[in-house]
Amino acid sequence: MAFEIGQVSHGYEFIEVLKSQGPGVVYKVRNQLADRLETLKVLSRELQKDKERVQRFLREVKIHAHLSHPHIATFYNAFEIDGEIVMTAELLEGVSVEELLVDGPIPVFKAVEYASQTLDALEYAHANGVIHRNITPKSLVVASNGNIKVGEFELARSETDPRLTLTGMVMGPMHYISPEQVKGLEDVDGRSDIYSFGMVFYELITGRKPFDSDSQFDVMQAHVNLLPDQPSQLNPDLPSQVDETLFKAIAKDREYRYQSAGEFRHALDSLLPARREAAESELSEEATAAPMSPAQAPPSSVPTPPVDEDAPQPAAASVEASPPTAQPVLPAGDLALNTQALDPWLIGLGVFVVIMIIGLLTLVIGGPRP
């Protein structure tokens, strides 16, 4: 049965239908007990007649329930309502990357920031044996706090899950699907997600899909056989290193791609310091080229006026105007002696001492004899 908007069932108030196509209907609901807005996905009884749909739904529940990461939508619960299987998860309030791209390419610094967060989430998922297989601009949401959240795990599978798609069948979004998915290979791994996100990143920085055609067959053929235009040819604001970095992520042979999402993330992050250093260098050059004020000029740059030897010289008291010779500073309260003021006194004392010595000698030599 379909839930009515405004209906309250099992503590959930149904507010809005968010998605009505695909493996189940997705509602915006309010968890009344937690007083929290959530998404609630329903696999109706009608769809439960399809065993593969049921298996995929239950697999999504198990995979999503075991993932906990800041850049992955949080899973909350799974249960039955009136015989229908439902799961609840974090409501991603924000805008999808798909919506952002309507206005054209995203500045490279912001694109690398979103890429770093997405690849961090994929690195975590791959480390836990999960392949997303549905990385698109629509599955990436910029949340209200400005951070990326990865959602839409309906095609995800773990390494131990049995294969549900028949051999030779293509499963995945056409514009972002990896060559091995096009070929229907059985051993698809995390490098497929790296290729898919490489395609998303291409669109982030150029504002256009790498391969765009009305024919799905032509798009799939391009994924296997063609390379897209160089991003720097489409967006001159991009650093020159971005072409090489991106083309390694979307190599046709997965052995030549980045072998982990973390490796791709580090390669993209390395683009930023170079750009920052270039910006700092430009600022430094501008500061050097700017004229100095007299106060900023170093002492050696101030010219010394010529001395006129015939001109009258300043009195001794005016010597204080010239730079003083470095002298030790006496602590406050200490008495500093003026040697110039003491010179006459010392001379008088010396004369007095000499007279006294002569007098004593006279008395000793010329004194009364017996």
Protein backbone atom coordinates (compact mmCIF):
# COMPACT_ATOMS: atom_id res chain seq x y z
CA MET A 1 0.00 0.00 0.00
CA ALA A 2 1.09 3.60 -0.50
CA PHE A 3 1.40 5.78 2.59
CA GLU A 4 -0.69 8.93 2.55
CA ILE A 5 0.95 12.32 3.12
CA GLY A 6 0.04 13.43 6.65
CA GLN A 7 -0.45 9.84 7.80
CA VAL A 8 1.23 8.73 11.03
CA SER A 9 2.28 5.09 11.28
CA HIS A 10 4.58 3.39 13.79
CA GLY A 11 5.76 6.75 15.11
CA TYR A 12 6.54 8.22 11.67
CA GLU A 13 4.68 11.14 10.14
CA PHE A 14 4.75 11.00 6.33
CA ILE A 15 5.50 14.51 5.01
CA GLU A 16 6.51 14.26 1.34
CA VAL A 17 7.35 11.81 -1.46
CA LEU A 18 10.99 12.29 -2.42
CA LYS A 19 11.36 9.50 -4.98
CA SER A 20 8.78 7.23 -6.54
CA GLN A 21 10.87 5.40 -9.15
CA GLY A 22 13.42 2.66 -8.71
CA PRO A 23 13.54 -0.19 -6.22
CA GLY A 24 11.23 1.52 -3.75
CA VAL A 25 9.34 4.68 -2.83
CA VAL A 26 11.30 7.16 -0.67
CA TYR A 27 9.44 9.46 1.74
CA LYS A 28 10.45 12.39 3.87
CA VAL A 29 9.19 11.55 7.35
CA ARG A 30 9.37 12.85 10.89
CA ASN A 31 10.47 10.41 13.55
CA GLN A 32 8.13 11.62 16.27
CA LEU A 33 9.95 9.91 19.12
CA ALA A 34 13.34 11.38 18.15
CA ASP A 35 11.78 14.58 16.76
CA ARG A 36 13.99 14.19 13.70
CA LEU A 37 13.45 14.40 9.96
CA GLU A 38 14.51 11.23 8.12
CA THR A 39 14.08 9.41 4.84
CA LEU A 40 11.97 6.27 4.81
CA LYS A 41 12.31 3.87 1.90
CA VAL A 42 9.61 1.30 1.30
CA LEU A 43 9.69 -1.98 -0.60
CA SER A 44 6.00 -2.54 -1.18
CA ARG A 45 4.30 -5.94 -1.07
CA GLU A 46 3.82 -5.72 -4.82
CA LEU A 47 7.58 -5.36 -5.39
CA GLN A 48 8.27 -8.13 -2.92
CA LYS A 49 7.01 -10.58 -5.54
CA ASP A 50 10.29 -9.94 -7.38
CA LYS A 51 12.90 -12.00 -5.51
CA GLU A 52 15.82 -10.07 -7.00
CA ARG A 53 14.32 -6.77 -5.82
CA VAL A 54 13.91 -8.18 -2.33
CA GLN A 55 17.49 -9.44 -2.31
CA ARG A 56 18.80 -6.08 -3.48
CA PHE A 57 16.75 -4.19 -0.90
CA LEU A 58 17.91 -6.43 1.95
CA ARG A 59 21.49 -6.21 0.71
CA GLU A 60 21.27 -2.40 0.73
CA VAL A 61 19.98 -2.55 4.31
CA LYS A 62 22.84 -4.78 5.50
CA ILE A 63 25.57 -2.86 3.69
CA HIS A 64 24.36 0.61 4.69
CA ALA A 65 23.79 -0.47 8.30
CA HIS A 66 27.49 -1.39 8.65
CA LEU A 67 28.86 1.89 7.29
CA SER A 68 29.49 4.82 9.61
CA HIS A 69 31.47 7.72 8.20
CA PRO A 70 31.16 11.55 8.32
CA HIS A 71 30.72 11.71 4.53
CA ILE A 72 28.24 8.84 4.18
CA ALA A 73 24.52 9.26 4.86
CA THR A 74 23.75 7.71 8.25
CA PHE A 75 21.63 4.57 8.39
CA TYR A 76 19.03 4.49 11.19
CA ASN A 77 16.75 1.45 11.16
CA ALA A 78 14.97 -1.30 9.19
CA PHE A 79 11.67 -2.97 10.09
CA GLU A 80 8.24 -3.90 8.74
CA ILE A 81 5.11 -1.78 8.60
CA ASP A 82 1.96 -3.72 7.77
CA GLY A 83 3.95 -6.35 5.88
CA GLU A 84 6.05 -3.85 3.93
CA ILE A 85 9.81 -3.68 4.44
CA VAL A 86 11.11 -0.19 5.23
CA MET A 87 14.46 1.37 6.08
CA THR A 88 15.16 4.80 7.52
CA ALA A 89 18.26 6.93 7.04
CA GLU A 90 19.58 10.46 7.41
CA LEU A 91 17.70 13.09 5.44
CA LEU A 92 20.29 14.92 3.36
CA GLU A 93 19.13 18.52 3.43
CA GLY A 94 21.15 20.41 0.88
CA VAL A 95 21.73 20.37 -2.86
CA SER A 96 23.06 17.54 -4.99
CA VAL A 97 26.18 18.04 -7.07
CA GLU A 98 23.90 17.45 -10.08
CA GLU A 99 21.95 20.58 -9.13
CA LEU A 100 25.13 22.60 -8.61
CA LEU A 101 26.34 21.73 -12.10
CA VAL A 102 23.32 23.42 -13.66
CA ASP A 103 25.24 26.70 -13.25
CA GLY A 104 28.40 25.35 -14.90
CA PRO A 105 31.75 24.13 -13.58
CA ILE A 106 32.68 24.44 -9.92
CA PRO A 107 35.87 26.37 -8.94
CA VAL A 108 38.81 23.98 -8.80
CA PHE A 109 39.52 24.54 -5.09
CA LYS A 110 35.92 23.66 -4.19
CA ALA A 111 35.89 20.73 -6.63
CA VAL A 112 39.04 19.29 -5.03
CA GLU A 113 37.51 19.78 -1.58
CA TYR A 114 34.39 17.84 -2.59
CA ALA A 115 36.57 15.21 -4.27
CA SER A 116 38.71 14.77 -1.16
CA GLN A 117 35.64 14.17 1.01
CA THR A 118 34.03 11.77 -1.47
CA LEU A 119 37.21 9.75 -1.94
CA ASP A 120 37.68 9.62 1.82
CA ALA A 121 34.22 8.03 2.09
CA LEU A 122 34.99 5.60 -0.76
CA GLU A 123 38.31 4.66 0.81
CA TYR A 124 36.44 3.80 4.01
CA ALA A 125 33.78 1.80 2.14
CA HIS A 126 36.37 -0.12 0.12
CA ALA A 127 38.33 -0.89 3.30
CA ASN A 128 35.12 -2.45 4.62
CA GLY A 129 34.69 -4.53 1.46
CA VAL A 130 31.91 -2.39 -0.06
CA ILE A 131 31.77 -1.23 -3.70
CA HIS A 132 29.27 1.57 -4.30
CA ARG A 133 28.79 1.12 -8.10
CA ASN A 134 26.49 4.14 -8.37
CA ILE A 135 28.73 7.19 -7.97
CA THR A 136 27.10 10.05 -9.88
CA PRO A 137 26.56 13.79 -9.33
CA LYS A 138 23.08 12.85 -8.08
CA SER A 139 24.36 10.48 -5.39
CA LEU A 140 26.59 13.20 -3.89
CA VAL A 141 24.82 15.81 -1.80
CA VAL A 142 26.33 19.00 -0.40
CA ALA A 143 24.73 19.07 3.04
CA SER A 144 23.66 22.21 4.89
CA ASN A 145 27.07 22.41 6.62
CA GLY A 146 28.84 22.48 3.23
CA ASN A 147 30.22 18.94 3.42
CA ILE A 148 29.67 16.13 0.94
CA LYS A 149 27.48 13.17 1.85
CA VAL A 150 27.43 10.00 -0.25
CA GLY A 151 24.03 8.33 -0.61
CA GLU A 152 22.10 5.95 -2.89
CA PHE A 153 23.51 2.55 -1.96
CA GLU A 154 20.92 0.50 -3.86
CA LEU A 155 23.53 -0.89 -6.27
CA ALA A 156 26.24 -1.36 -3.64
CA ARG A 157 27.55 -4.82 -2.89
CA SER A 158 30.16 -6.32 -0.63
CA GLU A 159 32.93 -8.63 -1.73
CA THR A 160 31.15 -11.63 -0.21
CA ASP A 161 27.73 -10.94 -1.73
CA PRO A 162 26.51 -13.35 -4.42
CA ARG A 163 26.19 -11.93 -7.92
CA LEU A 164 22.61 -10.87 -8.66
CA THR A 165 23.10 -9.48 -12.17
CA LEU A 166 23.31 -12.02 -14.98
CA THR A 167 26.70 -12.27 -16.70
CA GLY A 168 26.88 -9.88 -19.65
CA MET A 169 24.22 -7.52 -18.26
CA VAL A 170 25.22 -3.90 -17.64
CA MET A 171 24.42 -2.45 -14.22
CA GLY A 172 25.22 1.16 -13.43
CA PRO A 173 24.70 4.78 -14.54
CA MET A 174 25.62 5.09 -18.24
CA HIS A 175 27.59 8.35 -18.15
CA TYR A 176 29.76 7.28 -15.19
CA ILE A 177 30.01 3.51 -15.60
CA SER A 178 33.46 1.90 -15.69
CA PRO A 179 34.75 -0.07 -18.71
CA GLU A 180 34.71 -3.29 -16.68
CA GLN A 181 31.05 -2.70 -15.83
CA VAL A 182 30.31 -2.13 -19.53
CA LYS A 183 32.03 -5.42 -20.31
CA GLY A 184 30.02 -7.19 -17.62
CA LEU A 185 33.09 -8.50 -15.79
CA GLU A 186 32.40 -10.49 -12.64
CA ASP A 187 35.35 -9.24 -10.57
CA VAL A 188 34.45 -5.55 -10.41
CA ASP A 189 36.22 -3.93 -7.45
CA GLY A 190 36.81 -0.53 -5.84
CA ARG A 191 38.76 0.72 -8.86
CA SER A 192 35.42 0.86 -10.68
CA ASP A 193 34.27 3.52 -8.17
CA ILE A 194 37.53 5.40 -8.79
CA TYR A 195 36.75 5.52 -12.53
CA SER A 196 33.17 6.63 -11.87
CA PHE A 197 34.24 9.42 -9.57
CA GLY A 198 36.90 10.44 -12.09
CA MET A 199 34.05 10.99 -14.54
CA VAL A 200 32.15 13.01 -11.92
CA PHE A 201 35.24 15.10 -11.16
CA TYR A 202 35.68 15.78 -14.89
CA GLU A 203 32.17 17.20 -14.94
CA LEU A 204 32.81 19.20 -11.75
CA ILE A 205 35.74 21.11 -13.26
CA THR A 206 34.56 21.41 -16.88
CA GLY A 207 30.79 21.67 -16.51
CA ARG A 208 30.17 18.92 -19.09
CA LYS A 209 29.99 15.15 -19.17
CA PRO A 210 33.09 13.40 -20.56
CA PHE A 211 30.97 11.41 -23.02
CA ASP A 212 27.57 12.78 -23.92
CA SER A 213 25.29 11.23 -26.51
CA ASP A 214 21.65 10.34 -26.91
CA SER A 215 22.76 6.81 -27.71
CA GLN A 216 23.54 4.65 -24.69
CA PHE A 217 25.48 2.32 -26.96
CA ASP A 218 27.74 5.19 -28.11
CA VAL A 219 28.36 6.24 -24.49
CA MET A 220 29.26 2.68 -23.46
CA GLN A 221 31.56 2.32 -26.44
CA ALA A 222 33.28 5.59 -25.51
CA HIS A 223 33.92 4.33 -21.97
CA VAL A 224 35.73 1.33 -23.41
CA ASN A 225 37.58 2.92 -26.34
CA LEU A 226 37.81 6.73 -26.16
CA LEU A 227 39.37 9.45 -24.05
CA PRO A 228 37.48 12.71 -23.38
CA ASP A 229 38.88 16.15 -24.24
CA GLN A 230 41.55 17.44 -21.88
CA PRO A 231 39.91 19.39 -19.03
CA SER A 232 42.43 22.25 -19.32
CA GLN A 233 41.31 22.80 -22.94
CA LEU A 234 37.75 23.30 -21.76
CA ASN A 235 38.57 25.34 -18.64
CA PRO A 236 41.70 27.53 -18.90
CA ASP A 237 41.55 28.32 -15.16
CA LEU A 238 42.62 24.77 -14.30
CA PRO A 239 46.20 24.02 -13.20
CA SER A 240 48.17 22.16 -15.86
CA GLN A 241 48.69 19.12 -13.59
CA VAL A 242 44.97 18.34 -13.46
CA ASP A 243 44.91 16.62 -16.88
CA GLU A 244 47.48 13.99 -15.94
CA THR A 245 45.93 13.46 -12.50
CA LEU A 246 42.44 12.96 -13.90
CA PHE A 247 43.39 10.76 -16.86
CA LYS A 248 45.12 8.34 -14.52
CA ALA A 249 41.84 7.96 -12.59
CA ILE A 250 39.88 7.15 -15.76
CA ALA A 251 42.39 4.83 -17.43
CA LYS A 252 40.62 2.14 -19.47
CA ASP A 253 42.75 -0.58 -17.90
CA ARG A 254 42.16 -0.56 -14.15
CA GLU A 255 45.74 -1.70 -13.55
CA TYR A 256 46.88 1.75 -14.71
CA ARG A 257 44.44 3.69 -12.52
CA TYR A 258 45.00 4.78 -8.96
CA GLN A 259 44.84 1.55 -7.04
CA SER A 260 42.94 3.05 -4.12
CA ALA A 261 40.63 5.98 -3.46
CA GLY A 262 43.20 7.29 -0.98
CA GLU A 263 45.88 7.40 -3.68
CA PHE A 264 43.55 9.40 -5.95
CA ARG A 265 42.71 11.74 -3.06
CA HIS A 266 46.38 12.41 -2.28
CA ALA A 267 47.06 13.15 -5.96
CA LEU A 268 44.25 15.72 -6.06
CA ASP A 269 45.25 17.27 -2.73
CA SER A 270 48.77 17.78 -4.09
CA LEU A 271 47.31 20.16 -6.69
CA LEU A 272 46.30 22.65 -3.98
CA PRO A 273 49.69 23.46 -2.39
CA ALA A 274 51.12 24.28 -5.82
CA ARG A 275 48.27 26.67 -6.47
CA ARG A 276 48.63 28.25 -2.99
CA GLU A 277 52.39 28.67 -3.42
CA ALA A 278 51.82 30.35 -6.80
CA ALA A 279 49.31 32.74 -5.23
CA GLU A 280 51.67 33.53 -2.34
CA SER A 281 54.51 34.10 -4.83
CA GLU A 282 52.37 36.57 -6.77
CA LEU A 283 51.55 38.47 -3.57
CA SER A 284 55.24 38.54 -2.61
CA GLU A 285 56.23 39.89 -6.03
CA GLU A 286 53.59 42.61 -5.79
CA ALA A 287 54.86 43.63 -2.35
CA THR A 288 58.46 43.77 -3.64
CA ALA A 289 57.50 45.89 -6.63
CA ALA A 290 55.61 48.43 -4.49
CA PRO A 291 57.61 51.66 -3.69
CA MET A 292 58.97 51.96 -0.13
CA SER A 293 58.14 54.83 2.14
CA PRO A 294 61.10 56.54 3.85
CA ALA A 295 60.15 54.87 7.12
CA GLN A 296 60.37 51.41 5.45
CA ALA A 297 63.77 52.05 3.85
CA PRO A 298 66.76 50.40 5.58
CA PRO A 299 69.26 52.76 7.28
CA SER A 300 71.96 52.03 4.67
CA SER A 301 69.71 53.39 1.92
CA VAL A 302 69.53 56.90 3.46
CA PRO A 303 72.26 59.09 1.83
CA THR A 304 74.70 60.92 4.18
CA PRO A 305 74.91 64.67 3.44
CA PRO A 306 78.37 65.94 2.38
CA VAL A 307 80.50 67.66 5.09
CA ASP A 308 81.65 71.23 4.47
CA GLU A 309 85.05 71.50 6.23
CA ASP A 310 85.01 75.36 6.04
CA ALA A 311 81.67 75.60 7.82
CA PRO A 312 81.71 76.22 11.62
CA GLN A 313 81.53 72.99 13.57
CA PRO A 314 78.81 72.50 16.20
CA ALA A 315 79.67 72.99 19.84
CA ALA A 316 80.49 70.00 22.03
CA ALA A 317 77.01 69.99 23.50
CA SER A 318 75.56 69.38 20.04
CA VAL A 319 77.39 66.05 19.72
CA GLU A 320 74.39 64.46 21.40
CA ALA A 321 72.54 64.90 18.11
CA SER A 322 74.79 62.37 16.36
CA PRO A 323 74.21 58.64 16.82
CA PRO A 324 75.52 57.65 20.27
CA THR A 325 78.19 55.02 20.73
CA ALA A 326 76.79 51.88 22.28
CA GLN A 327 77.25 52.05 26.03
CA PRO A 328 76.27 49.67 28.80
CA VAL A 329 73.04 50.68 30.42
CA LEU A 330 73.22 51.12 34.19
CA PRO A 331 70.37 49.75 36.24
CA ALA A 332 67.97 52.27 37.71
CA GLY A 333 69.27 53.69 41.05
CA ASP A 334 73.00 53.06 40.32
CA LEU A 335 75.35 56.08 40.59
CA ALA A 336 77.26 56.87 37.40
CA LEU A 337 80.54 58.74 38.00
CA ASN A 338 81.52 61.73 35.83
CA THR A 339 85.27 61.31 35.30
CA GLN A 340 85.61 64.76 33.67
CA ALA A 341 84.23 66.45 36.83
CA LEU A 342 86.65 64.48 39.12
CA ASP A 343 89.92 65.33 37.27
CA PRO A 344 90.83 68.61 39.22
CA TRP A 345 90.12 66.96 42.56
CA LEU A 346 92.38 64.04 41.72
CA ILE A 347 95.20 66.41 40.71
CA GLY A 348 94.93 68.38 44.00
CA LEU A 349 94.89 65.17 46.00
CA GLY A 350 98.04 64.03 44.20
CA VAL A 351 99.87 67.30 44.95
CA PHE A 352 98.87 67.10 48.62
CA VAL A 353 100.16 63.56 48.92
CA VAL A 354 103.51 64.53 47.32
CA ILE A 355 103.95 67.52 49.77
CA MET A 356 103.20 65.28 52.74
CA ILE A 357 105.77 62.72 51.60
CA ILE A 358 108.44 65.43 51.14
CA GLY A 359 107.66 66.86 54.59
CA LEU A 360 108.00 63.50 56.26
CA LEU A 361 111.29 62.85 54.52
CA THR A 362 112.61 66.27 55.65
CA LEU A 363 111.73 65.53 59.26
CA VAL A 364 113.39 62.16 59.08
CA ILE A 365 116.59 63.40 57.43
CA GLY A 366 116.98 66.86 59.04
CA GLY A 367 115.57 66.13 62.48
CA PRO A 368 117.39 66.94 65.78
CA ARG A 369 120.66 65.03 66.25
CA PRO A 370 121.95 63.75 69.69
